[in-house]
């Protein structure tokens, strides 16, 4: 069995994203970096881990979709994993739908496994 290394600051990023979901708001990568440590660019690693290992693997909405770029308040270019293909003209609607699912989900008991 292959284990996935948990990126630095993932626990803090998960806690922050859960708070934002509870408050029904997005948060920029820069804000995540300021509050959890690291750089805005570097937050992609823990956010991606949360998407793949905590959300997708367990059939949860992708908590990562509420992490957005400060320039346009939309998710970063790599928010969709390589194996997920959504036509470009539908991506905005898909993203908004996923954000709604994230806000509706009860994240209170979701933690990093292991």
PDB file of N, CA and C in Angstrom:
ATOM      1  N   UNK A   1       0.841  -1.169   0.000  1.00  0.00           N
ATOM      2  CA  UNK A   1       0.000   0.000   0.000  1.00  0.00           C
ATOM      3  C   UNK A   1       0.891   1.239   0.000  1.00  0.00           C
ATOM      4  N   UNK A   2       0.569   2.208  -0.830  1.00  0.00           N
ATOM      5  CA  UNK A   2       1.341   3.432  -0.933  1.00  0.00           C
ATOM      6  C   UNK A   2       0.788   4.470   0.027  1.00  0.00           C
ATOM      7  N   UNK A   3       1.669   5.092   0.777  1.00  0.00           N
ATOM      8  CA  UNK A   3       1.214   6.162   1.654  1.00  0.00           C
ATOM      9  C   UNK A   3       1.577   7.498   1.021  1.00  0.00           C
ATOM     10  N   UNK A   4       0.747   8.470   1.241  1.00  0.00           N
ATOM     11  CA  UNK A   4       0.960   9.800   0.698  1.00  0.00           C
ATOM     12  C   UNK A   4       1.470  10.675   1.829  1.00  0.00           C
ATOM     13  N   UNK A   5       2.580  11.376   1.581  1.00  0.00           N
ATOM     14  CA  UNK A   5       3.109  12.278   2.591  1.00  0.00           C
ATOM     15  C   UNK A   5       2.192  13.482   2.740  1.00  0.00           C
ATOM     16  N   UNK A   6       1.921  13.844   3.962  1.00  0.00           N
ATOM     17  CA  UNK A   6       1.074  15.002   4.235  1.00  0.00           C
ATOM     18  C   UNK A   6       1.944  16.253   4.125  1.00  0.00           C
ATOM     19  N   UNK A   7       1.584  17.185   3.232  1.00  0.00           N
ATOM     20  CA  UNK A   7       2.383  18.405   3.086  1.00  0.00           C
ATOM     21  C   UNK A   7       2.383  19.244   4.365  1.00  0.00           C
ATOM     22  N   UNK A   8       3.429  20.014   4.517  1.00  0.00           N
ATOM     23  CA  UNK A   8       3.575  20.921   5.651  1.00  0.00           C
ATOM     24  C   UNK A   8       2.355  21.844   5.735  1.00  0.00           C
ATOM     25  N   UNK A   9       1.907  22.122   6.931  1.00  0.00           N
ATOM     26  CA  UNK A   9       0.802  23.040   7.226  1.00  0.00           C
ATOM     27  C   UNK A   9      -0.584  22.519   6.840  1.00  0.00           C
ATOM     28  N   UNK A  10      -0.692  21.264   6.411  1.00  0.00           N
ATOM     29  CA  UNK A  10      -1.993  20.755   5.964  1.00  0.00           C
ATOM     30  C   UNK A  10      -3.033  20.788   7.080  1.00  0.00           C
ATOM     31  N   UNK A  11      -2.644  20.432   8.282  1.00  0.00           N
ATOM     32  CA  UNK A  11      -3.606  20.433   9.387  1.00  0.00           C
ATOM     33  C   UNK A  11      -4.163  21.835   9.629  1.00  0.00           C
ATOM     34  N   UNK A  12      -3.290  22.839   9.616  1.00  0.00           N
ATOM     35  CA  UNK A  12      -3.736  24.224   9.817  1.00  0.00           C
ATOM     36  C   UNK A  12      -4.610  24.694   8.656  1.00  0.00           C
ATOM     37  N   UNK A  13      -4.243  24.318   7.434  1.00  0.00           N
ATOM     38  CA  UNK A  13      -5.030  24.706   6.260  1.00  0.00           C
ATOM     39  C   UNK A  13      -6.402  24.045   6.313  1.00  0.00           C
ATOM     40  N   UNK A  14      -6.456  22.774   6.683  1.00  0.00           N
ATOM     41  CA  UNK A  14      -7.737  22.082   6.798  1.00  0.00           C
ATOM     42  C   UNK A  14      -8.630  22.775   7.823  1.00  0.00           C
ATOM     43  N   UNK A  15      -8.083  23.089   8.972  1.00  0.00           N
ATOM     44  CA  UNK A  15      -8.859  23.766  10.014  1.00  0.00           C
ATOM     45  C   UNK A  15      -9.407  25.095   9.499  1.00  0.00           C
ATOM     46  N   UNK A  16      -8.576  25.859   8.814  1.00  0.00           N
ATOM     47  CA  UNK A  16      -8.992  27.156   8.291  1.00  0.00           C
ATOM     48  C   UNK A  16     -10.069  27.005   7.216  1.00  0.00           C
ATOM     49  N   UNK A  17      -9.893  26.072   6.292  1.00  0.00           N
ATOM     50  CA  UNK A  17     -10.898  25.859   5.245  1.00  0.00           C
ATOM     51  C   UNK A  17     -12.225  25.407   5.851  1.00  0.00           C
ATOM     52  N   UNK A  18     -12.178  24.580   6.880  1.00  0.00           N
ATOM     53  CA  UNK A  18     -13.406  24.154   7.553  1.00  0.00           C
ATOM     54  C   UNK A  18     -14.116  25.352   8.188  1.00  0.00           C
ATOM     55  N   UNK A  19     -13.354  26.259   8.787  1.00  0.00           N
ATOM     56  CA  UNK A  19     -13.943  27.471   9.367  1.00  0.00           C
ATOM     57  C   UNK A  19     -14.594  28.321   8.280  1.00  0.00           C
ATOM     58  N   UNK A  20     -13.902  28.470   7.155  1.00  0.00           N
ATOM     59  CA  UNK A  20     -14.444  29.264   6.050  1.00  0.00           C
ATOM     60  C   UNK A  20     -15.710  28.627   5.492  1.00  0.00           C
ATOM     61  N   UNK A  21     -15.729  27.312   5.381  1.00  0.00           N
ATOM     62  CA  UNK A  21     -16.921  26.613   4.892  1.00  0.00           C
ATOM     63  C   UNK A  21     -18.088  26.831   5.852  1.00  0.00           C
ATOM     64  N   UNK A  22     -17.818  26.739   7.127  1.00  0.00           N
ATOM     65  CA  UNK A  22     -18.863  26.965   8.133  1.00  0.00           C
ATOM     66  C   UNK A  22     -19.425  28.388   8.023  1.00  0.00           C
ATOM     67  N   UNK A  23     -18.528  29.346   7.741  1.00  0.00           N
ATOM     68  CA  UNK A  23     -18.928  30.753   7.613  1.00  0.00           C
ATOM     69  C   UNK A  23     -19.427  31.097   6.210  1.00  0.00           C
ATOM     70  N   UNK A  24     -19.423  30.105   5.325  1.00  0.00           N
ATOM     71  CA  UNK A  24     -19.880  30.253   3.939  1.00  0.00           C
ATOM     72  C   UNK A  24     -19.134  31.373   3.205  1.00  0.00           C
ATOM     73  N   UNK A  25     -17.794  31.250   3.211  1.00  0.00           N
ATOM     74  CA  UNK A  25     -16.987  32.243   2.499  1.00  0.00           C
ATOM     75  C   UNK A  25     -15.776  31.587   1.861  1.00  0.00           C
ATOM     76  N   UNK A  26     -15.300  32.218   0.797  1.00  0.00           N
ATOM     77  CA  UNK A  26     -14.059  31.772   0.179  1.00  0.00           C
ATOM     78  C   UNK A  26     -12.893  32.439   0.903  1.00  0.00           C
ATOM     79  N   UNK A  27     -11.685  31.973   0.588  1.00  0.00           N
ATOM     80  CA  UNK A  27     -10.476  32.553   1.167  1.00  0.00           C
ATOM     81  C   UNK A  27      -9.384  32.496   0.109  1.00  0.00           C
ATOM     82  N   UNK A  28      -8.564  33.531   0.037  1.00  0.00           N
ATOM     83  CA  UNK A  28      -7.508  33.552  -0.972  1.00  0.00           C
ATOM     84  C   UNK A  28      -6.310  32.722  -0.522  1.00  0.00           C
ATOM     85  N   UNK A  29      -5.535  32.288  -1.510  1.00  0.00           N
ATOM     86  CA  UNK A  29      -4.306  31.554  -1.203  1.00  0.00           C
ATOM     87  C   UNK A  29      -3.390  32.417  -0.336  1.00  0.00           C
ATOM     88  N   UNK A  30      -3.359  33.722  -0.611  1.00  0.00           N
ATOM     89  CA  UNK A  30      -2.543  34.630   0.189  1.00  0.00           C
ATOM     90  C   UNK A  30      -2.979  34.681   1.640  1.00  0.00           C
ATOM     91  N   UNK A  31      -4.291  34.727   1.864  1.00  0.00           N
ATOM     92  CA  UNK A  31      -4.812  34.723   3.236  1.00  0.00           C
ATOM     93  C   UNK A  31      -4.473  33.415   3.944  1.00  0.00           C
ATOM     94  N   UNK A  32      -4.574  32.314   3.205  1.00  0.00           N
ATOM     95  CA  UNK A  32      -4.215  31.015   3.793  1.00  0.00           C
ATOM     96  C   UNK A  32      -2.753  31.036   4.219  1.00  0.00           C
ATOM     97  N   UNK A  33      -1.883  31.535   3.347  1.00  0.00           N
ATOM     98  CA  UNK A  33      -0.451  31.599   3.656  1.00  0.00           C
ATOM     99  C   UNK A  33      -0.192  32.477   4.878  1.00  0.00           C
ATOM    100  N   UNK A  34      -0.851  33.627   4.954  1.00  0.00           N
ATOM    101  CA  UNK A  34      -0.671  34.527   6.092  1.00  0.00           C
ATOM    102  C   UNK A  34      -1.080  33.862   7.403  1.00  0.00           C
ATOM    103  N   UNK A  35      -2.162  33.128   7.376  1.00  0.00           N
ATOM    104  CA  UNK A  35      -2.698  32.547   8.608  1.00  0.00           C
ATOM    105  C   UNK A  35      -2.081  31.205   8.974  1.00  0.00           C
ATOM    106  N   UNK A  36      -1.579  30.475   7.971  1.00  0.00           N
ATOM    107  CA  UNK A  36      -1.078  29.117   8.230  1.00  0.00           C
ATOM    108  C   UNK A  36       0.422  28.978   8.025  1.00  0.00           C
ATOM    109  N   UNK A  37       1.066  29.999   7.492  1.00  0.00           N
ATOM    110  CA  UNK A  37       2.493  29.933   7.217  1.00  0.00           C
ATOM    111  C   UNK A  37       2.766  29.527   5.787  1.00  0.00           C
ATOM    112  N   UNK A  38       3.936  29.878   5.316  1.00  0.00           N
ATOM    113  CA  UNK A  38       4.314  29.539   3.952  1.00  0.00           C
ATOM    114  C   UNK A  38       3.983  30.653   2.982  1.00  0.00           C
ATOM    115  N   UNK A  39       4.016  30.314   1.698  1.00  0.00           N
ATOM    116  CA  UNK A  39       3.743  31.292   0.644  1.00  0.00           C
ATOM    117  C   UNK A  39       2.413  30.976  -0.024  1.00  0.00           C
ATOM    118  N   UNK A  40       1.860  31.969  -0.719  1.00  0.00           N
ATOM    119  CA  UNK A  40       0.594  31.757  -1.430  1.00  0.00           C
ATOM    120  C   UNK A  40       0.728  30.624  -2.437  1.00  0.00           C
ATOM    121  N   UNK A  41       1.850  30.595  -3.157  1.00  0.00           N
ATOM    122  CA  UNK A  41       2.076  29.529  -4.143  1.00  0.00           C
ATOM    123  C   UNK A  41       2.189  28.182  -3.442  1.00  0.00           C
ATOM    124  N   UNK A  42       2.866  28.144  -2.314  1.00  0.00           N
ATOM    125  CA  UNK A  42       3.066  26.899  -1.583  1.00  0.00           C
ATOM    126  C   UNK A  42       1.807  26.319  -0.967  1.00  0.00           C
ATOM    127  N   UNK A  43       0.753  27.122  -0.844  1.00  0.00           N
ATOM    128  CA  UNK A  43      -0.483  26.591  -0.261  1.00  0.00           C
ATOM    129  C   UNK A  43      -1.157  25.582  -1.180  1.00  0.00           C
ATOM    130  N   UNK A  44      -0.767  25.546  -2.438  1.00  0.00           N
ATOM    131  CA  UNK A  44      -1.342  24.579  -3.372  1.00  0.00           C
ATOM    132  C   UNK A  44      -1.113  23.141  -2.950  1.00  0.00           C
ATOM    133  N   UNK A  45       0.000  22.868  -2.275  1.00  0.00           N
ATOM    134  CA  UNK A  45       0.296  21.491  -1.857  1.00  0.00           C
ATOM    135  C   UNK A  45      -0.674  20.993  -0.787  1.00  0.00           C
ATOM    136  N   UNK A  46      -0.840  21.712   0.327  1.00  0.00           N
ATOM    137  CA  UNK A  46      -1.816  21.219   1.302  1.00  0.00           C
ATOM    138  C   UNK A  46      -3.251  21.263   0.774  1.00  0.00           C
ATOM    139  N   UNK A  47      -3.587  22.274  -0.030  1.00  0.00           N
ATOM    140  CA  UNK A  47      -4.939  22.357  -0.591  1.00  0.00           C
ATOM    141  C   UNK A  47      -5.197  21.168  -1.514  1.00  0.00           C
ATOM    142  N   UNK A  48      -4.210  20.809  -2.338  1.00  0.00           N
ATOM    143  CA  UNK A  48      -4.343  19.647  -3.217  1.00  0.00           C
ATOM    144  C   UNK A  48      -4.460  18.347  -2.438  1.00  0.00           C
ATOM    145  N   UNK A  49      -3.705  18.228  -1.371  1.00  0.00           N
ATOM    146  CA  UNK A  49      -3.799  17.042  -0.512  1.00  0.00           C
ATOM    147  C   UNK A  49      -5.203  16.933   0.082  1.00  0.00           C
ATOM    148  N   UNK A  50      -5.722  18.041   0.563  1.00  0.00           N
ATOM    149  CA  UNK A  50      -7.072  18.046   1.141  1.00  0.00           C
ATOM    150  C   UNK A  50      -8.092  17.609   0.092  1.00  0.00           C
ATOM    151  N   UNK A  51      -7.965  18.141  -1.116  1.00  0.00           N
ATOM    152  CA  UNK A  51      -8.886  17.757  -2.196  1.00  0.00           C
ATOM    153  C   UNK A  51      -8.832  16.254  -2.461  1.00  0.00           C
ATOM    154  N   UNK A  52      -7.621  15.727  -2.644  1.00  0.00           N
ATOM    155  CA  UNK A  52      -7.472  14.337  -3.087  1.00  0.00           C
ATOM    156  C   UNK A  52      -7.619  13.308  -1.973  1.00  0.00           C
ATOM    157  N   UNK A  53      -6.975  13.543  -0.843  1.00  0.00           N
ATOM    158  CA  UNK A  53      -6.912  12.534   0.215  1.00  0.00           C
ATOM    159  C   UNK A  53      -8.035  12.636   1.245  1.00  0.00           C
ATOM    160  N   UNK A  54      -8.528  13.829   1.480  1.00  0.00           N
ATOM    161  CA  UNK A  54      -9.560  14.004   2.498  1.00  0.00           C
ATOM    162  C   UNK A  54     -10.951  14.083   1.874  1.00  0.00           C
ATOM    163  N   UNK A  55     -11.035  14.678   0.701  1.00  0.00           N
ATOM    164  CA  UNK A  55     -12.350  14.863   0.075  1.00  0.00           C
ATOM    165  C   UNK A  55     -12.658  13.815  -0.991  1.00  0.00           C
ATOM    166  N   UNK A  56     -11.912  13.787  -2.071  1.00  0.00           N
ATOM    167  CA  UNK A  56     -12.232  12.876  -3.179  1.00  0.00           C
ATOM    168  C   UNK A  56     -12.226  11.416  -2.739  1.00  0.00           C
ATOM    169  N   UNK A  57     -11.229  11.040  -1.990  1.00  0.00           N
ATOM    170  CA  UNK A  57     -11.085   9.644  -1.566  1.00  0.00           C
ATOM    171  C   UNK A  57     -12.288   9.160  -0.752  1.00  0.00           C
ATOM    172  N   UNK A  58     -12.994  10.092  -0.113  1.00  0.00           N
ATOM    173  CA  UNK A  58     -14.109   9.729   0.763  1.00  0.00           C
ATOM    174  C   UNK A  58     -15.462  10.217   0.241  1.00  0.00           C
ATOM    175  N   UNK A  59     -15.501  10.656  -1.013  1.00  0.00           N
ATOM    176  CA  UNK A  59     -16.763  11.071  -1.621  1.00  0.00           C
ATOM    177  C   UNK A  59     -17.343  12.359  -1.062  1.00  0.00           C
ATOM    178  N   UNK A  60     -16.488  13.193  -0.499  1.00  0.00           N
ATOM    179  CA  UNK A  60     -16.948  14.468   0.053  1.00  0.00           C
ATOM    180  C   UNK A  60     -16.856  15.565  -1.015  1.00  0.00           C
ATOM    181  N   UNK A  61     -17.605  16.653  -0.828  1.00  0.00           N
ATOM    182  CA  UNK A  61     -17.386  17.809  -1.705  1.00  0.00           C
ATOM    183  C   UNK A  61     -15.945  18.283  -1.538  1.00  0.00           C
ATOM    184  N   UNK A  62     -15.428  18.908  -2.550  1.00  0.00           N
ATOM    185  CA  UNK A  62     -14.023  19.321  -2.522  1.00  0.00           C
ATOM    186  C   UNK A  62     -13.866  20.622  -1.744  1.00  0.00           C
ATOM    187  N   UNK A  63     -13.503  20.520  -0.506  1.00  0.00           N
ATOM    188  CA  UNK A  63     -13.294  21.681   0.358  1.00  0.00           C
ATOM    189  C   UNK A  63     -12.313  22.669  -0.268  1.00  0.00           C
ATOM    190  N   UNK A  64     -11.428  22.164  -1.065  1.00  0.00           N
ATOM    191  CA  UNK A  64     -10.397  22.987  -1.707  1.00  0.00           C
ATOM    192  C   UNK A  64     -10.954  24.052  -2.642  1.00  0.00           C
ATOM    193  N   UNK A  65     -12.197  23.902  -3.128  1.00  0.00           N
ATOM    194  CA  UNK A  65     -12.720  24.861  -4.105  1.00  0.00           C
ATOM    195  C   UNK A  65     -12.989  26.229  -3.504  1.00  0.00           C
ATOM    196  N   UNK A  66     -12.983  26.342  -2.184  1.00  0.00           N
ATOM    197  CA  UNK A  66     -13.183  27.668  -1.598  1.00  0.00           C
ATOM    198  C   UNK A  66     -11.869  28.423  -1.427  1.00  0.00           C
ATOM    199  N   UNK A  67     -10.745  27.795  -1.779  1.00  0.00           N
ATOM    200  CA  UNK A  67      -9.450  28.484  -1.827  1.00  0.00           C
ATOM    201  C   UNK A  67      -9.330  29.113  -3.213  1.00  0.00           C
ATOM    202  N   UNK A  68      -9.193  30.436  -3.259  1.00  0.00           N
ATOM    203  CA  UNK A  68      -9.238  31.150  -4.533  1.00  0.00           C
ATOM    204  C   UNK A  68      -8.050  32.092  -4.699  1.00  0.00           C
ATOM    205  N   UNK A  69      -7.845  32.499  -5.930  1.00  0.00           N
ATOM    206  CA  UNK A  69      -6.806  33.468  -6.268  1.00  0.00           C
ATOM    207  C   UNK A  69      -7.278  34.865  -5.872  1.00  0.00           C
ATOM    208  N   UNK A  70      -6.388  35.655  -5.321  1.00  0.00           N
ATOM    209  CA  UNK A  70      -6.742  37.013  -4.934  1.00  0.00           C
ATOM    210  C   UNK A  70      -7.009  37.927  -6.112  1.00  0.00           C
ATOM    211  N   UNK A  71      -6.499  37.578  -7.277  1.00  0.00           N
ATOM    212  CA  UNK A  71      -6.649  38.456  -8.444  1.00  0.00           C
ATOM    213  C   UNK A  71      -8.044  38.413  -9.048  1.00  0.00           C
ATOM    214  N   UNK A  72      -8.701  37.256  -9.023  1.00  0.00           N
ATOM    215  CA  UNK A  72     -10.033  37.152  -9.643  1.00  0.00           C
ATOM    216  C   UNK A  72     -11.058  36.432  -8.768  1.00  0.00           C
ATOM    217  N   UNK A  73     -10.648  36.048  -7.566  1.00  0.00           N
ATOM    218  CA  UNK A  73     -11.527  35.356  -6.619  1.00  0.00           C
ATOM    219  C   UNK A  73     -12.119  34.065  -7.197  1.00  0.00           C
ATOM    220  N   UNK A  74     -11.327  33.389  -8.016  1.00  0.00           N
ATOM    221  CA  UNK A  74     -11.687  32.098  -8.602  1.00  0.00           C
ATOM    222  C   UNK A  74     -10.597  31.101  -8.232  1.00  0.00           C
ATOM    223  N   UNK A  75     -10.890  29.814  -8.330  1.00  0.00           N
ATOM    224  CA  UNK A  75      -9.867  28.824  -7.979  1.00  0.00           C
ATOM    225  C   UNK A  75      -8.671  28.902  -8.918  1.00  0.00           C
ATOM    226  N   UNK A  76      -7.535  28.439  -8.433  1.00  0.00           N
ATOM    227  CA  UNK A  76      -6.316  28.441  -9.232  1.00  0.00           C
ATOM    228  C   UNK A  76      -6.406  27.492 -10.414  1.00  0.00           C
ATOM    229  N   UNK A  77      -5.462  27.613 -11.310  1.00  0.00           N
ATOM    230  CA  UNK A  77      -5.453  26.828 -12.537  1.00  0.00           C
ATOM    231  C   UNK A  77      -5.381  25.329 -12.339  1.00  0.00           C
ATOM    232  N   UNK A  78      -4.907  24.876 -11.201  1.00  0.00           N
ATOM    233  CA  UNK A  78      -4.771  23.435 -10.955  1.00  0.00           C
ATOM    234  C   UNK A  78      -5.827  22.882 -10.007  1.00  0.00           C
ATOM    235  N   UNK A  79      -6.940  23.580  -9.866  1.00  0.00           N
ATOM    236  CA  UNK A  79      -7.933  23.095  -8.897  1.00  0.00           C
ATOM    237  C   UNK A  79      -8.621  21.822  -9.365  1.00  0.00           C
ATOM    238  N   UNK A  80      -8.647  21.592 -10.672  1.00  0.00           N
ATOM    239  CA  UNK A  80      -9.185  20.327 -11.186  1.00  0.00           C
ATOM    240  C   UNK A  80      -8.049  19.330 -11.340  1.00  0.00           C
ATOM    241  N   UNK A  81      -8.179  18.146 -10.777  1.00  0.00           N
ATOM    242  CA  UNK A  81      -7.137  17.136 -10.975  1.00  0.00           C
ATOM    243  C   UNK A  81      -7.106  16.688 -12.435  1.00  0.00           C
ATOM    244  N   UNK A  82      -5.987  16.126 -12.843  1.00  0.00           N
ATOM    245  CA  UNK A  82      -5.795  15.723 -14.240  1.00  0.00           C
ATOM    246  C   UNK A  82      -6.856  14.757 -14.738  1.00  0.00           C
ATOM    247  N   UNK A  83      -7.394  13.926 -13.863  1.00  0.00           N
ATOM    248  CA  UNK A  83      -8.364  12.924 -14.307  1.00  0.00           C
ATOM    249  C   UNK A  83      -9.806  13.436 -14.344  1.00  0.00           C
ATOM    250  N   UNK A  84     -10.013  14.711 -14.069  1.00  0.00           N
ATOM    251  CA  UNK A  84     -11.354  15.301 -14.124  1.00  0.00           C
ATOM    252  C   UNK A  84     -11.393  16.305 -15.269  1.00  0.00           C
ATOM    253  N   UNK A  85     -12.252  16.040 -16.227  1.00  0.00           N
ATOM    254  CA  UNK A  85     -12.379  16.906 -17.398  1.00  0.00           C
ATOM    255  C   UNK A  85     -13.768  17.536 -17.413  1.00  0.00           C
ATOM    256  N   UNK A  86     -13.811  18.847 -17.324  1.00  0.00           N
ATOM    257  CA  UNK A  86     -15.067  19.587 -17.396  1.00  0.00           C
ATOM    258  C   UNK A  86     -14.911  20.598 -18.519  1.00  0.00           C
ATOM    259  N   UNK A  87     -15.830  20.622 -19.479  1.00  0.00           N
ATOM    260  CA  UNK A  87     -15.710  21.587 -20.570  1.00  0.00           C
ATOM    261  C   UNK A  87     -15.560  23.010 -20.024  1.00  0.00           C
ATOM    262  N   UNK A  88     -14.706  23.774 -20.656  1.00  0.00           N
ATOM    263  CA  UNK A  88     -14.401  25.119 -20.169  1.00  0.00           C
ATOM    264  C   UNK A  88     -15.651  25.966 -19.966  1.00  0.00           C
ATOM    265  N   UNK A  89     -16.614  25.840 -20.876  1.00  0.00           N
ATOM    266  CA  UNK A  89     -17.826  26.663 -20.769  1.00  0.00           C
ATOM    267  C   UNK A  89     -18.705  26.268 -19.571  1.00  0.00           C
ATOM    268  N   UNK A  90     -18.450  25.121 -18.966  1.00  0.00           N
ATOM    269  CA  UNK A  90     -19.226  24.672 -17.804  1.00  0.00           C
ATOM    270  C   UNK A  90     -18.473  24.809 -16.482  1.00  0.00           C
ATOM    271  N   UNK A  91     -17.198  25.164 -16.541  1.00  0.00           N
ATOM    272  CA  UNK A  91     -16.380  25.168 -15.326  1.00  0.00           C
ATOM    273  C   UNK A  91     -16.866  26.156 -14.272  1.00  0.00           C
ATOM    274  N   UNK A  92     -17.308  27.334 -14.682  1.00  0.00           N
ATOM    275  CA  UNK A  92     -17.802  28.318 -13.709  1.00  0.00           C
ATOM    276  C   UNK A  92     -19.030  27.771 -12.979  1.00  0.00           C
ATOM    277  N   UNK A  93     -19.973  27.197 -13.698  1.00  0.00           N
ATOM    278  CA  UNK A  93     -21.175  26.633 -13.078  1.00  0.00           C
ATOM    279  C   UNK A  93     -20.818  25.451 -12.177  1.00  0.00           C
ATOM    280  N   UNK A  94     -19.906  24.609 -12.641  1.00  0.00           N
ATOM    281  CA  UNK A  94     -19.492  23.452 -11.855  1.00  0.00           C
ATOM    282  C   UNK A  94     -18.855  23.921 -10.549  1.00  0.00           C
ATOM    283  N   UNK A  95     -17.956  24.907 -10.652  1.00  0.00           N
ATOM    284  CA  UNK A  95     -17.274  25.428  -9.472  1.00  0.00           C
ATOM    285  C   UNK A  95     -18.283  26.005  -8.477  1.00  0.00           C
ATOM    286  N   UNK A  96     -19.209  26.813  -8.958  1.00  0.00           N
ATOM    287  CA  UNK A  96     -20.214  27.411  -8.070  1.00  0.00           C
ATOM    288  C   UNK A  96     -21.068  26.331  -7.391  1.00  0.00           C
ATOM    289  N   UNK A  97     -21.406  25.295  -8.138  1.00  0.00           N
ATOM    290  CA  UNK A  97     -22.170  24.188  -7.560  1.00  0.00           C
ATOM    291  C   UNK A  97     -21.393  23.470  -6.477  1.00  0.00           C
ATOM    292  N   UNK A  98     -20.103  23.253  -6.724  1.00  0.00           N
ATOM    293  CA  UNK A  98     -19.274  22.580  -5.728  1.00  0.00           C
ATOM    294  C   UNK A  98     -19.114  23.454  -4.485  1.00  0.00           C
ATOM    295  N   UNK A  99     -18.975  24.768  -4.663  1.00  0.00           N
ATOM    296  CA  UNK A  99     -18.885  25.671  -3.512  1.00  0.00           C
ATOM    297  C   UNK A  99     -20.144  25.542  -2.653  1.00  0.00           C
ATOM    298  N   UNK A 100     -21.300  25.493  -3.290  1.00  0.00           N
ATOM    299  CA  UNK A 100     -22.561  25.330  -2.548  1.00  0.00           C
ATOM    300  C   UNK A 100     -22.572  24.025  -1.763  1.00  0.00           C
ATOM    301  N   UNK A 101     -22.070  22.955  -2.365  1.00  0.00           N
ATOM    302  CA  UNK A 101     -22.006  21.669  -1.667  1.00  0.00           C
ATOM    303  C   UNK A 101     -21.065  21.739  -0.464  1.00  0.00           C
ATOM    304  N   UNK A 102     -19.942  22.431  -0.645  1.00  0.00           N
ATOM    305  CA  UNK A 102     -18.977  22.593   0.450  1.00  0.00           C
ATOM    306  C   UNK A 102     -19.630  23.334   1.611  1.00  0.00           C
ATOM    307  N   UNK A 103     -20.362  24.405   1.314  1.00  0.00           N
ATOM    308  CA  UNK A 103     -21.014  25.180   2.371  1.00  0.00           C
ATOM    309  C   UNK A 103     -22.080  24.361   3.101  1.00  0.00           C
ATOM    310  N   UNK A 104     -22.742  23.463   2.408  1.00  0.00           N
ATOM    311  CA  UNK A 104     -23.823  22.669   3.003  1.00  0.00           C
ATOM    312  C   UNK A 104     -23.316  21.465   3.802  1.00  0.00           C
ATOM    313  N   UNK A 105     -22.082  21.054   3.581  1.00  0.00           N
ATOM    314  CA  UNK A 105     -21.543  19.843   4.199  1.00  0.00           C
ATOM    315  C   UNK A 105     -21.158  20.099   5.658  1.00  0.00           C
ATOM    316  N   UNK A 106     -21.334  19.100   6.502  1.00  0.00           N
ATOM    317  CA  UNK A 106     -20.914  19.185   7.905  1.00  0.00           C
ATOM    318  C   UNK A 106     -19.464  18.715   8.009  1.00  0.00           C
ATOM    319  N   UNK A 107     -18.546  19.645   8.141  1.00  0.00           N
ATOM    320  CA  UNK A 107     -17.110  19.358   8.192  1.00  0.00           C
ATOM    321  C   UNK A 107     -16.609  19.146   9.620  1.00  0.00           C
ATOM    322  N   UNK A 108     -17.463  19.253  10.600  1.00  0.00           N
ATOM    323  CA  UNK A 108     -17.015  19.283  11.993  1.00  0.00           C
ATOM    324  C   UNK A 108     -16.188  18.072  12.416  1.00  0.00           C
ATOM    325  N   UNK A 109     -16.455  16.905  11.883  1.00  0.00           N
ATOM    326  CA  UNK A 109     -15.714  15.709  12.295  1.00  0.00           C
ATOM    327  C   UNK A 109     -14.682  15.243  11.279  1.00  0.00           C
ATOM    328  N   UNK A 110     -14.417  16.042  10.271  1.00  0.00           N
ATOM    329  CA  UNK A 110     -13.456  15.658   9.236  1.00  0.00           C
ATOM    330  C   UNK A 110     -12.057  16.057   9.691  1.00  0.00           C
ATOM    331  N   UNK A 111     -11.164  15.080   9.707  1.00  0.00           N
ATOM    332  CA  UNK A 111      -9.782  15.297  10.142  1.00  0.00           C
ATOM    333  C   UNK A 111      -8.830  14.585   9.194  1.00  0.00           C
ATOM    334  N   UNK A 112      -7.548  14.871   9.337  1.00  0.00           N
ATOM    335  CA  UNK A 112      -6.520  14.150   8.595  1.00  0.00           C
ATOM    336  C   UNK A 112      -6.405  12.763   9.206  1.00  0.00           C
ATOM    337  N   UNK A 113      -6.425  11.747   8.364  1.00  0.00           N
ATOM    338  CA  UNK A 113      -6.328  10.371   8.860  1.00  0.00           C
ATOM    339  C   UNK A 113      -4.889  10.039   9.236  1.00  0.00           C
ATOM    340  N   UNK A 114      -4.767   9.120  10.157  1.00  0.00           N
ATOM    341  CA  UNK A 114      -3.444   8.617  10.477  1.00  0.00           C
ATOM    342  C   UNK A 114      -2.918   9.191  11.680  1.00  0.00           C
TER     343      UNK A 114
END
